């Protein structure tokens, strides 16, 4: 009632002025009032209220408060409300049949549609930020799902906006999209494939943010840092970023190391090569010396009586017919007991020291076990310590690591008197191995 009275007073005042046509003067004054009101509301809300709340949120510990202001949710909601206030003012002050009201109404409707859509985007971004570090957020490609919702929302908003501008029903525009289905499928091929791939990855728990992904085809070897609608981003161990199409994770094969981390054991599988010429039977002196090791005492306590009984039955006196201990077999037994008592080797997972097929580089012995700590740095340190110990104790078993002759070896051999022919033979032998 009060607004109607003010409207009548303003119309009466403008009609009494002779400097401008009354209706035009009234419209200009009303538009000026509406603009001034909008500016005042904007300054009070954004510079005053929201500025104070933003400062308090920056000093606040709860993540949800920081997420709300980081993604401008309240700011965009305020802009949407400002559009509604503008539309309300226009209907109160302007003539219902005037062009100014129609123009301002169409503008405010588009304004509210735009910032309403942006407010919905901010809400989705806020929810994503709150879920990102939770178990559900890591196990579900929520970014891809939210991006799909944003895409659908943008298409619907575009249809509604076109409906407002053309004055036709949105149903007519939606029915016209049926003829464009093939074109839309072609244009949005990657988002559609990515969305379907994201659902499959999530439903089958094939990949999560934070997983160690290895996909040589795309040069990816690192941690998954982001899963969105169309791509999966991997931060490689050299700090480069590899982007993989989401649908490629369904159509191609990849290796996910999550199972290793969840199992609690990381595999050590490395071989070292022994010089075949250093392998021999143990003498009584060797046995007496190695028996002082607490790790080998159970081995000798079991093996020596067993071999003595077997040799006594044969009693041929031939070395070929008797059973004897070898230095390589004793080394395997020593390393087996060494792994069993090692504090960083998982006791409930496979442990073995096995001999592989001989190769041109010597006789390989492979250590196969699982480190109980899956952290990369710790695992590498444990593996290195084990092999440091192995290389150091080989001399106790009269075994040598195989190593190809180097240029330094040939020069040292050539420097010895009368060793020229031997040096030449060594060089020829090395060249023959290389070819």
Protein backbone atom coordinates (compact mmCIF):
# COMPACT_ATOMS: atom_id res chain seq x y z
CA UNK A 1 0.00 0.00 0.00
CA UNK A 2 2.82 2.34 0.91
CA UNK A 3 4.68 1.45 -2.29
CA UNK A 4 1.55 2.13 -4.35
CA UNK A 5 1.20 5.55 -2.70
CA UNK A 6 4.82 6.40 -3.42
CA UNK A 7 4.35 5.24 -7.00
CA UNK A 8 1.32 7.53 -7.42
CA UNK A 9 3.15 10.46 -5.86
CA UNK A 10 6.12 9.94 -8.17
CA UNK A 11 3.82 9.73 -11.22
CA UNK A 12 2.01 12.90 -10.12
CA UNK A 13 5.31 14.74 -9.65
CA UNK A 14 6.73 13.71 -13.04
CA UNK A 15 3.48 14.68 -14.80
CA UNK A 16 3.79 18.15 -13.30
CA UNK A 17 7.24 18.66 -14.83
CA UNK A 18 7.46 20.29 -18.22
CA UNK A 19 11.11 19.55 -19.01
CA UNK A 20 10.53 15.93 -20.08
CA UNK A 21 7.73 13.68 -21.29
CA UNK A 22 6.05 12.35 -18.04
CA UNK A 23 6.13 8.59 -18.81
CA UNK A 24 9.76 8.72 -19.92
CA UNK A 25 10.77 10.78 -16.89
CA UNK A 26 9.00 8.35 -14.58
CA UNK A 27 10.69 5.34 -16.22
CA UNK A 28 14.15 6.92 -15.97
CA UNK A 29 13.69 7.85 -12.32
CA UNK A 30 12.40 4.38 -11.47
CA UNK A 31 15.29 2.70 -13.29
CA UNK A 32 17.71 4.97 -11.44
CA UNK A 33 16.13 4.03 -8.11
CA UNK A 34 16.26 0.34 -8.97
CA UNK A 35 19.94 0.58 -9.97
CA UNK A 36 20.84 2.55 -6.82
CA UNK A 37 18.99 0.05 -4.65
CA UNK A 38 20.76 -2.84 -6.34
CA UNK A 39 24.17 -1.18 -5.86
CA UNK A 40 23.48 -0.49 -2.19
CA UNK A 41 22.31 -4.04 -1.56
CA UNK A 42 25.35 -5.41 -3.41
CA UNK A 43 27.78 -3.33 -1.33
CA UNK A 44 26.10 -4.19 1.96
CA UNK A 45 25.88 -7.91 1.23
CA UNK A 46 29.21 -8.54 -0.55
CA UNK A 47 31.50 -5.99 1.08
CA UNK A 48 29.91 -6.06 4.50
CA UNK A 49 28.15 -9.28 5.48
CA UNK A 50 29.97 -11.74 3.19
CA UNK A 51 33.32 -10.02 3.75
CA UNK A 52 32.99 -10.47 7.51
CA UNK A 53 31.86 -14.09 7.16
CA UNK A 54 34.71 -14.81 4.73
CA UNK A 55 37.26 -13.47 7.21
CA UNK A 56 35.82 -15.60 10.00
CA UNK A 57 35.80 -18.66 7.74
CA UNK A 58 39.50 -18.17 6.91
CA UNK A 59 40.26 -18.29 10.63
CA UNK A 60 37.92 -21.23 11.22
CA UNK A 61 39.02 -24.83 11.48
CA UNK A 62 35.98 -26.63 10.00
CA UNK A 63 36.64 -27.64 6.41
CA UNK A 64 33.07 -27.03 5.26
CA UNK A 65 33.23 -23.32 6.07
CA UNK A 66 36.44 -22.88 4.12
CA UNK A 67 35.01 -24.90 1.21
CA UNK A 68 31.86 -22.73 1.06
CA UNK A 69 33.80 -19.51 0.70
CA UNK A 70 36.53 -20.96 -1.44
CA UNK A 71 33.95 -21.94 -4.07
CA UNK A 72 31.89 -18.70 -3.70
CA UNK A 73 28.65 -20.46 -2.80
CA UNK A 74 27.18 -17.68 -0.64
CA UNK A 75 28.33 -14.99 -3.06
CA UNK A 76 26.55 -16.60 -5.99
CA UNK A 77 23.42 -17.26 -3.94
CA UNK A 78 23.42 -13.59 -2.98
CA UNK A 79 23.67 -12.59 -6.65
CA UNK A 80 20.74 -14.88 -7.44
CA UNK A 81 18.70 -13.25 -4.66
CA UNK A 82 19.65 -9.81 -5.99
CA UNK A 83 18.12 -10.74 -9.34
CA UNK A 84 14.90 -11.70 -7.56
CA UNK A 85 14.88 -8.37 -5.72
CA UNK A 86 15.40 -6.50 -8.99
CA UNK A 87 12.50 -8.37 -10.57
CA UNK A 88 10.29 -7.62 -7.55
CA UNK A 89 11.15 -3.92 -7.66
CA UNK A 90 10.43 -3.78 -11.38
CA UNK A 91 6.95 -5.25 -10.87
CA UNK A 92 6.22 -2.82 -8.05
CA UNK A 93 7.31 0.35 -9.82
CA UNK A 94 6.80 -0.21 -13.55
CA UNK A 95 3.65 -0.55 -15.60
CA UNK A 96 2.67 -4.17 -16.14
CA UNK A 97 2.15 -3.58 -19.87
CA UNK A 98 5.22 -1.43 -20.43
CA UNK A 99 8.23 -2.45 -22.51
CA UNK A 100 10.61 -1.44 -19.71
CA UNK A 101 9.08 -4.03 -17.38
CA UNK A 102 9.23 -6.76 -20.01
CA UNK A 103 12.87 -5.98 -20.80
CA UNK A 104 13.87 -5.82 -17.14
CA UNK A 105 11.92 -8.99 -16.33
CA UNK A 106 13.63 -10.93 -19.12
CA UNK A 107 17.03 -9.63 -18.01
CA UNK A 108 16.48 -10.53 -14.34
CA UNK A 109 15.17 -13.98 -15.25
CA UNK A 110 18.29 -14.71 -17.30
CA UNK A 111 20.37 -13.27 -14.43
CA UNK A 112 18.70 -15.56 -11.87
CA UNK A 113 19.02 -18.55 -14.22
CA UNK A 114 22.74 -17.93 -14.73
CA UNK A 115 23.65 -17.37 -11.10
CA UNK A 116 21.28 -20.12 -9.96
CA UNK A 117 23.20 -22.48 -12.22
CA UNK A 118 26.53 -21.16 -10.91
CA UNK A 119 25.26 -21.56 -7.34
CA UNK A 120 24.47 -25.20 -8.07
CA UNK A 121 27.99 -25.62 -9.49
CA UNK A 122 29.45 -24.06 -6.33
CA UNK A 123 27.38 -26.40 -4.17
CA UNK A 124 28.69 -29.42 -6.07
CA UNK A 125 32.27 -28.13 -5.78
CA UNK A 126 31.78 -27.61 -2.04
CA UNK A 127 30.46 -31.14 -1.56
CA UNK A 128 33.37 -32.49 -3.61
CA UNK A 129 35.88 -30.60 -1.47
CA UNK A 130 34.31 -31.99 1.69
CA UNK A 131 34.27 -35.57 0.38
CA UNK A 132 37.68 -35.50 -1.30
CA UNK A 133 39.67 -36.70 1.72
CA UNK A 134 37.07 -39.19 2.97
CA UNK A 135 36.99 -42.89 2.22
CA UNK A 136 33.92 -42.49 0.03
CA UNK A 137 35.55 -39.65 -1.91
CA UNK A 138 38.72 -41.64 -2.58
CA UNK A 139 36.85 -44.76 -3.67
CA UNK A 140 34.32 -42.98 -5.90
CA UNK A 141 35.03 -40.77 -8.95
CA UNK A 142 32.84 -38.00 -7.50
CA UNK A 143 34.43 -35.36 -9.73
CA UNK A 144 33.33 -37.23 -12.84
CA UNK A 145 29.81 -37.66 -11.45
CA UNK A 146 29.55 -33.98 -10.51
CA UNK A 147 30.91 -32.90 -13.88
CA UNK A 148 28.23 -35.00 -15.55
CA UNK A 149 25.61 -33.26 -13.40
CA UNK A 150 27.08 -29.88 -14.38
CA UNK A 151 26.93 -30.81 -18.05
CA UNK A 152 23.30 -31.88 -17.82
CA UNK A 153 22.45 -28.76 -15.80
CA UNK A 154 24.13 -26.51 -18.35
CA UNK A 155 22.16 -28.08 -21.20
CA UNK A 156 18.87 -27.69 -19.33
CA UNK A 157 19.69 -24.09 -18.43
CA UNK A 158 20.52 -23.35 -22.06
CA UNK A 159 17.17 -24.79 -23.17
CA UNK A 160 15.30 -22.75 -20.57
CA UNK A 161 17.17 -19.57 -21.59
CA UNK A 162 16.33 -20.13 -25.26
CA UNK A 163 12.74 -20.74 -24.25
CA UNK A 164 12.65 -17.41 -22.40
CA UNK A 165 14.11 -15.51 -25.32
CA UNK A 166 11.95 -17.15 -27.98
CA UNK A 167 8.75 -17.28 -25.92
CA UNK A 168 8.24 -20.97 -26.74
CA UNK A 169 7.74 -23.88 -24.38
CA UNK A 170 10.89 -25.81 -23.32
CA UNK A 171 9.04 -29.02 -24.24
CA UNK A 172 9.10 -28.00 -27.91
CA UNK A 173 12.85 -27.38 -27.75
CA UNK A 174 13.44 -30.72 -26.00
CA UNK A 175 11.41 -32.54 -28.65
CA UNK A 176 13.57 -30.92 -31.32
CA UNK A 177 16.66 -32.40 -29.73
CA UNK A 178 15.59 -35.86 -30.85
CA UNK A 179 16.64 -35.09 -34.40
CA UNK A 180 20.03 -33.90 -33.13
CA UNK A 181 20.77 -37.02 -31.08
CA UNK A 182 23.38 -38.34 -33.50
CA UNK A 183 25.16 -34.97 -33.60
CA UNK A 184 25.07 -34.66 -29.80
CA UNK A 185 26.47 -38.18 -29.38
CA UNK A 186 29.34 -37.29 -31.70
CA UNK A 187 30.06 -33.96 -30.00
CA UNK A 188 29.86 -35.36 -26.48
CA UNK A 189 31.49 -38.72 -27.26
CA UNK A 190 34.35 -38.32 -24.79
CA UNK A 191 32.19 -37.11 -21.87
CA UNK A 192 29.74 -39.96 -22.42
CA UNK A 193 32.46 -42.59 -22.63
CA UNK A 194 34.21 -41.03 -19.64
CA UNK A 195 31.02 -41.04 -17.60
CA UNK A 196 30.37 -44.71 -18.35
CA UNK A 197 34.01 -45.55 -17.60
CA UNK A 198 33.81 -43.67 -14.30
CA UNK A 199 30.77 -45.68 -13.25
CA UNK A 200 32.52 -48.96 -14.13
CA UNK A 201 35.73 -47.95 -12.34
CA UNK A 202 33.73 -47.01 -9.26
CA UNK A 203 31.38 -50.00 -9.25
CA UNK A 204 34.24 -52.49 -9.66
CA UNK A 205 36.62 -50.52 -7.38
CA UNK A 206 39.26 -50.69 -10.08
CA UNK A 207 40.86 -47.31 -9.37
CA UNK A 208 40.81 -44.65 -6.66
CA UNK A 209 42.50 -41.32 -6.08
CA UNK A 210 45.85 -42.02 -4.44
CA UNK A 211 46.38 -45.41 -6.09
CA UNK A 212 49.72 -46.22 -7.70
CA UNK A 213 48.89 -46.66 -11.40
CA UNK A 214 51.27 -48.11 -13.97
CA UNK A 215 50.27 -47.91 -17.64
CA UNK A 216 53.31 -48.05 -19.98
CA UNK A 217 51.22 -47.39 -23.08
CA UNK A 218 50.59 -43.83 -21.87
CA UNK A 219 53.88 -43.39 -20.03
CA UNK A 220 52.07 -43.35 -16.66
CA UNK A 221 53.81 -44.60 -13.53
CA UNK A 222 52.78 -42.77 -10.40
CA UNK A 223 49.93 -41.78 -8.08
CA UNK A 224 46.43 -40.93 -9.30
CA UNK A 225 45.76 -37.32 -8.28
CA UNK A 226 42.50 -36.62 -10.08
CA UNK A 227 39.65 -38.50 -11.73
CA UNK A 228 37.23 -36.33 -13.68
CA UNK A 229 34.64 -36.82 -16.38
CA UNK A 230 36.97 -37.42 -19.32
CA UNK A 231 40.50 -37.93 -17.97
CA UNK A 232 42.49 -39.47 -15.15
CA UNK A 233 45.55 -37.48 -14.10
CA UNK A 234 48.61 -39.32 -12.81
CA UNK A 235 51.54 -37.61 -11.11
CA UNK A 236 54.51 -39.72 -12.14
CA UNK A 237 57.40 -40.34 -9.79
CA UNK A 238 59.48 -37.78 -11.70
CA UNK A 239 56.73 -35.20 -10.88
CA UNK A 240 55.45 -35.02 -14.46
CA UNK A 241 51.71 -35.25 -15.08
CA UNK A 242 50.20 -37.81 -17.44
CA UNK A 243 46.57 -37.48 -18.54
CA UNK A 244 44.85 -40.71 -19.56
CA UNK A 245 41.39 -40.87 -21.20
CA UNK A 246 39.00 -42.38 -18.68
CA UNK A 247 37.60 -44.86 -21.18
CA UNK A 248 41.16 -46.11 -21.91
CA UNK A 249 41.25 -47.59 -18.41
CA UNK A 250 38.34 -49.82 -19.42
CA UNK A 251 39.45 -50.72 -22.94
CA UNK A 252 43.18 -51.18 -22.13
CA UNK A 253 45.00 -52.97 -19.33
CA UNK A 254 46.78 -51.23 -16.48
CA UNK A 255 48.48 -52.20 -13.23
CA UNK A 256 47.14 -50.95 -9.92
CA UNK A 257 49.55 -51.35 -7.00
CA UNK A 258 46.85 -50.80 -4.37
CA UNK A 259 46.71 -54.52 -3.64
CA UNK A 260 50.39 -54.48 -2.71
CA UNK A 261 49.86 -51.63 -0.25
CA UNK A 262 46.79 -53.25 1.30
CA UNK A 263 48.48 -56.65 1.65
CA UNK A 264 51.15 -55.28 3.98
CA UNK A 265 54.06 -56.80 2.06
CA UNK A 266 56.14 -55.57 -0.86
CA UNK A 267 57.98 -58.15 -2.91
CA UNK A 268 61.76 -58.44 -3.07
CA UNK A 269 62.71 -60.43 -6.16
CA UNK A 270 66.32 -59.98 -7.22
CA UNK A 271 69.04 -62.36 -8.39
CA UNK A 272 72.80 -62.21 -8.07
CA UNK A 273 75.20 -64.15 -10.31
CA UNK A 274 77.94 -66.40 -8.98
CA UNK A 275 81.09 -67.31 -10.83
CA UNK A 276 80.62 -70.99 -11.71
CA UNK A 277 84.33 -71.68 -11.25
CA UNK A 278 84.08 -70.78 -7.55
CA UNK A 279 81.54 -73.54 -6.77
CA UNK A 280 83.03 -76.56 -4.97
CA UNK A 281 82.48 -79.14 -2.24
CA UNK A 282 83.04 -78.13 1.35
CA UNK A 283 86.06 -79.54 3.10
CA UNK A 284 86.09 -80.58 6.74
CA UNK A 285 87.87 -77.32 7.54
CA UNK A 286 85.15 -75.37 5.75
CA UNK A 287 82.44 -77.19 7.68
CA UNK A 288 84.20 -76.58 10.99
CA UNK A 289 84.55 -72.88 10.19
CA UNK A 290 80.95 -72.40 9.02
CA UNK A 291 79.51 -74.34 11.97
CA UNK A 292 80.33 -71.39 14.20
CA UNK A 293 77.41 -69.50 12.63
CA UNK A 294 74.25 -69.77 14.74
CA UNK A 295 72.15 -69.59 11.56
CA UNK A 296 73.88 -72.62 10.02
CA UNK A 297 74.06 -74.82 13.12
CA UNK A 298 70.54 -76.27 12.61
CA UNK A 299 71.39 -76.89 8.95
CA UNK A 300 74.59 -78.80 9.73
CA UNK A 301 72.91 -80.66 12.61
CA UNK A 302 70.40 -82.04 10.13
CA UNK A 303 72.57 -82.49 7.04
CA UNK A 304 75.79 -84.00 8.41
CA UNK A 305 74.15 -87.10 10.01
CA UNK A 306 71.98 -87.53 6.91
CA UNK A 307 75.01 -87.48 4.56
CA UNK A 308 77.06 -89.73 6.83
CA UNK A 309 74.31 -92.36 6.87
CA UNK A 310 73.87 -92.19 3.11
CA UNK A 311 77.60 -92.49 2.41
CA UNK A 312 77.98 -95.36 4.87
CA UNK A 313 75.39 -97.38 2.93
CA UNK A 314 77.25 -96.91 -0.35
CA UNK A 315 80.80 -97.13 1.02
CA UNK A 316 82.41 -97.25 -2.43
CA UNK A 317 85.13 -94.79 -1.57
CA UNK A 318 84.53 -92.84 -4.78
CA UNK A 319 83.91 -89.10 -4.60
CA UNK A 320 81.42 -89.44 -7.43
CA UNK A 321 79.27 -91.89 -5.47
CA UNK A 322 79.29 -90.00 -2.16
CA UNK A 323 77.08 -87.13 -1.09
CA UNK A 324 78.83 -83.99 0.08
CA UNK A 325 77.91 -80.44 0.98
CA UNK A 326 78.60 -77.67 -1.53
CA UNK A 327 79.37 -74.05 -0.79
CA UNK A 328 76.49 -72.82 -2.98
CA UNK A 329 73.99 -75.14 -1.28
CA UNK A 330 75.21 -74.05 2.14
CA UNK A 331 74.89 -70.41 1.05
CA UNK A 332 71.26 -71.04 0.04
CA UNK A 333 70.56 -72.56 3.43
CA UNK A 334 72.27 -69.66 5.20
CA UNK A 335 70.28 -67.04 3.28
CA UNK A 336 67.03 -68.93 3.93
CA UNK A 337 67.62 -68.82 7.70
CA UNK A 338 68.82 -65.21 7.39
CA UNK A 339 65.54 -64.13 5.79
CA UNK A 340 63.46 -65.97 8.40
CA UNK A 341 65.04 -64.07 11.27
CA UNK A 342 65.16 -60.70 9.49
CA UNK A 343 62.88 -58.19 11.35
CA UNK A 344 61.75 -56.43 8.14
CA UNK A 345 60.74 -59.56 6.19
CA UNK A 346 57.06 -60.49 6.39
CA UNK A 347 56.92 -63.85 8.20
CA UNK A 348 53.57 -64.96 6.73
CA UNK A 349 54.44 -64.44 3.07
CA UNK A 350 56.54 -66.52 0.69
CA UNK A 351 60.27 -66.69 1.42
CA UNK A 352 62.79 -68.61 -0.63
CA UNK A 353 66.29 -68.51 -2.06
CA UNK A 354 66.23 -70.39 -5.33
CA UNK A 355 68.73 -71.30 -8.01
CA UNK A 356 67.80 -70.26 -11.53
CA UNK A 357 69.01 -71.70 -14.83
CA UNK A 358 72.70 -70.99 -15.53
CA UNK A 359 73.34 -68.08 -17.87
CA UNK A 360 76.36 -66.63 -19.67
CA UNK A 361 76.77 -64.33 -16.69
CA UNK A 362 77.13 -67.18 -14.19
CA UNK A 363 74.91 -69.18 -11.87
CA UNK A 364 72.03 -67.01 -10.56
CA UNK A 365 70.64 -67.24 -7.05
CA UNK A 366 67.38 -65.35 -6.54
CA UNK A 367 66.13 -63.93 -3.26
CA UNK A 368 62.33 -64.00 -3.11
CA UNK A 369 60.64 -62.49 -0.05
CA UNK A 370 58.31 -59.68 1.04
CA UNK A 371 59.26 -56.58 2.98
CA UNK A 372 56.79 -55.90 5.80
CA UNK A 373 56.90 -52.14 5.14
CA UNK A 374 55.51 -51.11 1.74
CA UNK A 375 56.82 -47.52 1.83
CA UNK A 376 59.08 -47.08 -1.18
CA UNK A 377 62.08 -45.56 0.61
CA UNK A 378 62.00 -48.04 3.49
CA UNK A 379 61.57 -50.98 1.11
CA UNK A 380 64.57 -49.94 -0.99
CA UNK A 381 66.70 -49.53 2.14
CA UNK A 382 65.79 -53.02 3.41
CA UNK A 383 66.48 -54.58 0.01
CA UNK A 384 69.83 -52.84 -0.26
CA UNK A 385 70.83 -53.91 3.26
CA UNK A 386 70.04 -57.55 2.48
CA UNK A 387 72.13 -57.57 -0.68
CA UNK A 388 74.93 -55.62 0.96
CA UNK A 389 75.12 -58.43 3.49
CA UNK A 390 74.96 -61.11 0.77
CA UNK A 391 77.87 -59.60 -1.20
CA UNK A 392 79.91 -59.27 1.97
CA UNK A 393 79.46 -62.89 3.18
CA UNK A 394 80.17 -64.60 -0.16
CA UNK A 395 83.88 -64.70 0.62
CA UNK A 396 83.12 -66.80 3.71
CA UNK A 397 81.75 -69.48 1.39
CA UNK A 398 84.65 -69.14 -1.10
CA UNK A 399 82.21 -67.86 -3.74
CA UNK A 400 82.71 -65.00 -6.14
CA UNK A 401 80.27 -62.68 -7.87
CA UNK A 402 80.51 -62.93 -11.65
CA UNK A 403 81.74 -59.74 -13.28
CA UNK A 404 82.77 -59.26 -16.88
CA UNK A 405 86.35 -58.13 -17.47
CA UNK A 406 86.72 -54.39 -17.84
CA UNK A 407 89.29 -52.31 -19.64
CA UNK A 408 91.07 -51.86 -16.33
CA UNK A 409 91.38 -55.65 -15.92
CA UNK A 410 92.88 -56.00 -19.39
CA UNK A 411 95.38 -53.20 -18.78
CA UNK A 412 96.44 -54.74 -15.47
CA UNK A 413 96.92 -58.11 -17.18
CA UNK A 414 98.91 -56.53 -20.02
CA UNK A 415 101.21 -54.82 -17.53
CA UNK A 416 102.40 -58.17 -16.12
CA UNK A 417 105.60 -59.59 -17.69
CA UNK A 418 104.93 -62.23 -20.32
CA UNK A 419 101.21 -61.70 -20.14
CA UNK A 420 100.74 -60.12 -23.56
CA UNK A 421 99.33 -63.26 -25.14
CA UNK A 422 96.98 -63.81 -22.22
CA UNK A 423 95.81 -60.20 -22.45
CA UNK A 424 95.18 -60.53 -26.16
CA UNK A 425 93.28 -63.74 -25.58
CA UNK A 426 91.18 -62.03 -22.89
CA UNK A 427 90.36 -59.18 -25.25
CA UNK A 428 89.37 -61.57 -28.02
CA UNK A 429 87.24 -63.56 -25.59
CA UNK A 430 85.46 -60.40 -24.43
CA UNK A 431 84.83 -59.26 -28.01
CA UNK A 432 83.43 -62.68 -28.82
CA UNK A 433 80.99 -62.47 -25.90
CA UNK A 434 79.81 -59.04 -26.98
CA UNK A 435 79.12 -60.22 -30.54
